[in-house]
């Protein structure tokens, strides 16, 4: 297996790229299920994403993962109040982590 060459980015440029990616993801509208669930769900989304997660990279990763899960629920006709812990577990059990790791990281 041949290793791909790595491109080094100066720290200052890397930080700016990270900030751009995080703000791009965070500037998006609420996920559809959160939007449909109303003001309390929107507040909870903002409280968790922006109030609890202090590190930009962690915030971006959690937001991406939660959006993917909510899209999964939406495609299955679930509304946010109807999502149960079992739905979360079934979703996680169904992930192909090998492929997931390649896509996410």
Protein backbone atom coordinates (compact mmCIF):
# COMPACT_ATOMS: atom_id res chain seq x y z
CA UNK A 1 0.00 0.00 0.00
CA UNK A 2 1.47 3.33 -1.05
CA UNK A 3 1.15 6.18 1.39
CA UNK A 4 -0.30 9.41 0.09
CA UNK A 5 1.93 12.47 0.47
CA UNK A 6 0.87 14.72 3.29
CA UNK A 7 0.47 18.42 2.69
CA UNK A 8 1.65 20.52 5.57
CA UNK A 9 -0.30 23.64 6.33
CA UNK A 10 1.09 26.41 8.54
CA UNK A 11 -0.72 26.47 11.88
CA UNK A 12 -2.18 29.93 11.28
CA UNK A 13 -3.69 28.79 7.94
CA UNK A 14 -4.91 25.54 9.47
CA UNK A 15 -6.73 27.40 12.24
CA UNK A 16 -8.38 29.70 9.70
CA UNK A 17 -9.46 26.71 7.58
CA UNK A 18 -10.93 25.03 10.66
CA UNK A 19 -12.78 28.19 11.68
CA UNK A 20 -14.19 28.55 8.16
CA UNK A 21 -15.42 24.93 8.14
CA UNK A 22 -16.97 25.21 11.61
CA UNK A 23 -18.71 28.51 10.94
CA UNK A 24 -19.98 27.20 7.60
CA UNK A 25 -21.60 24.18 9.27
CA UNK A 26 -22.86 26.20 12.23
CA UNK A 27 -24.36 28.97 10.10
CA UNK A 28 -26.74 26.54 8.43
CA UNK A 29 -30.37 26.55 9.44
CA UNK A 30 -31.62 24.16 12.07
CA UNK A 31 -32.05 20.57 10.94
CA UNK A 32 -35.59 20.09 9.58
CA UNK A 33 -36.75 17.97 12.54
CA UNK A 34 -35.49 20.57 15.01
CA UNK A 35 -37.13 23.37 13.04
CA UNK A 36 -40.45 21.49 12.94
CA UNK A 37 -40.34 20.70 16.68
CA UNK A 38 -40.50 24.38 17.58
CA UNK A 39 -38.83 26.93 19.81
CA UNK A 40 -37.93 24.60 22.71
CA UNK A 41 -36.14 22.15 20.38
CA UNK A 42 -34.33 25.03 18.65
CA UNK A 43 -33.21 26.39 22.02
CA UNK A 44 -31.99 22.93 23.07
CA UNK A 45 -30.06 22.60 19.77
CA UNK A 46 -28.33 25.93 20.27
CA UNK A 47 -27.69 25.26 23.96
CA UNK A 48 -25.99 21.95 23.18
CA UNK A 49 -24.10 22.91 20.01
CA UNK A 50 -23.03 26.40 21.02
CA UNK A 51 -23.29 26.41 24.81
CA UNK A 52 -21.88 23.03 25.79
CA UNK A 53 -19.31 22.30 23.08
CA UNK A 54 -16.43 24.72 23.49
CA UNK A 55 -13.84 23.34 21.07
CA UNK A 56 -14.56 24.23 17.41
CA UNK A 57 -13.44 20.87 16.03
CA UNK A 58 -15.55 18.95 18.56
CA UNK A 59 -18.52 21.21 17.85
CA UNK A 60 -18.22 20.62 14.12
CA UNK A 61 -17.90 16.83 14.52
CA UNK A 62 -20.89 16.57 16.91
CA UNK A 63 -23.01 18.83 14.72
CA UNK A 64 -22.23 16.77 11.63
CA UNK A 65 -23.01 13.49 13.43
CA UNK A 66 -26.28 14.79 14.90
CA UNK A 67 -27.39 16.20 11.54
CA UNK A 68 -26.72 12.81 9.91
CA UNK A 69 -28.76 11.03 12.58
CA UNK A 70 -31.64 13.51 12.30
CA UNK A 71 -31.65 13.12 8.51
CA UNK A 72 -31.84 9.34 9.04
CA UNK A 73 -34.86 9.85 11.33
CA UNK A 74 -36.50 12.23 8.86
CA UNK A 75 -36.13 9.72 6.01
CA UNK A 76 -37.88 7.14 8.19
CA UNK A 77 -40.80 9.44 8.93
CA UNK A 78 -39.93 10.05 12.59
CA UNK A 79 -40.61 13.39 14.22
CA UNK A 80 -38.27 14.64 16.93
CA UNK A 81 -40.53 13.91 19.92
CA UNK A 82 -40.95 10.36 18.61
CA UNK A 83 -37.22 9.57 18.56
CA UNK A 84 -36.38 7.11 21.34
CA UNK A 85 -33.11 5.83 22.81
CA UNK A 86 -33.78 2.60 20.89
CA UNK A 87 -33.80 4.57 17.62
CA UNK A 88 -30.39 5.97 18.49
CA UNK A 89 -29.04 2.52 19.36
CA UNK A 90 -30.46 0.95 16.19
CA UNK A 91 -28.93 3.73 14.11
CA UNK A 92 -25.50 3.32 15.73
CA UNK A 93 -25.66 -0.48 15.42
CA UNK A 94 -26.41 -0.11 11.73
CA UNK A 95 -23.39 2.08 10.96
CA UNK A 96 -20.50 0.57 9.08
CA UNK A 97 -17.76 2.13 11.22
CA UNK A 98 -15.00 1.24 8.77
CA UNK A 99 -16.67 3.22 6.00
CA UNK A 100 -17.91 5.84 8.48
CA UNK A 101 -14.36 6.52 9.66
CA UNK A 102 -13.16 7.02 6.09
CA UNK A 103 -15.97 9.45 5.28
CA UNK A 104 -15.82 11.47 8.51
CA UNK A 105 -12.12 11.64 9.04
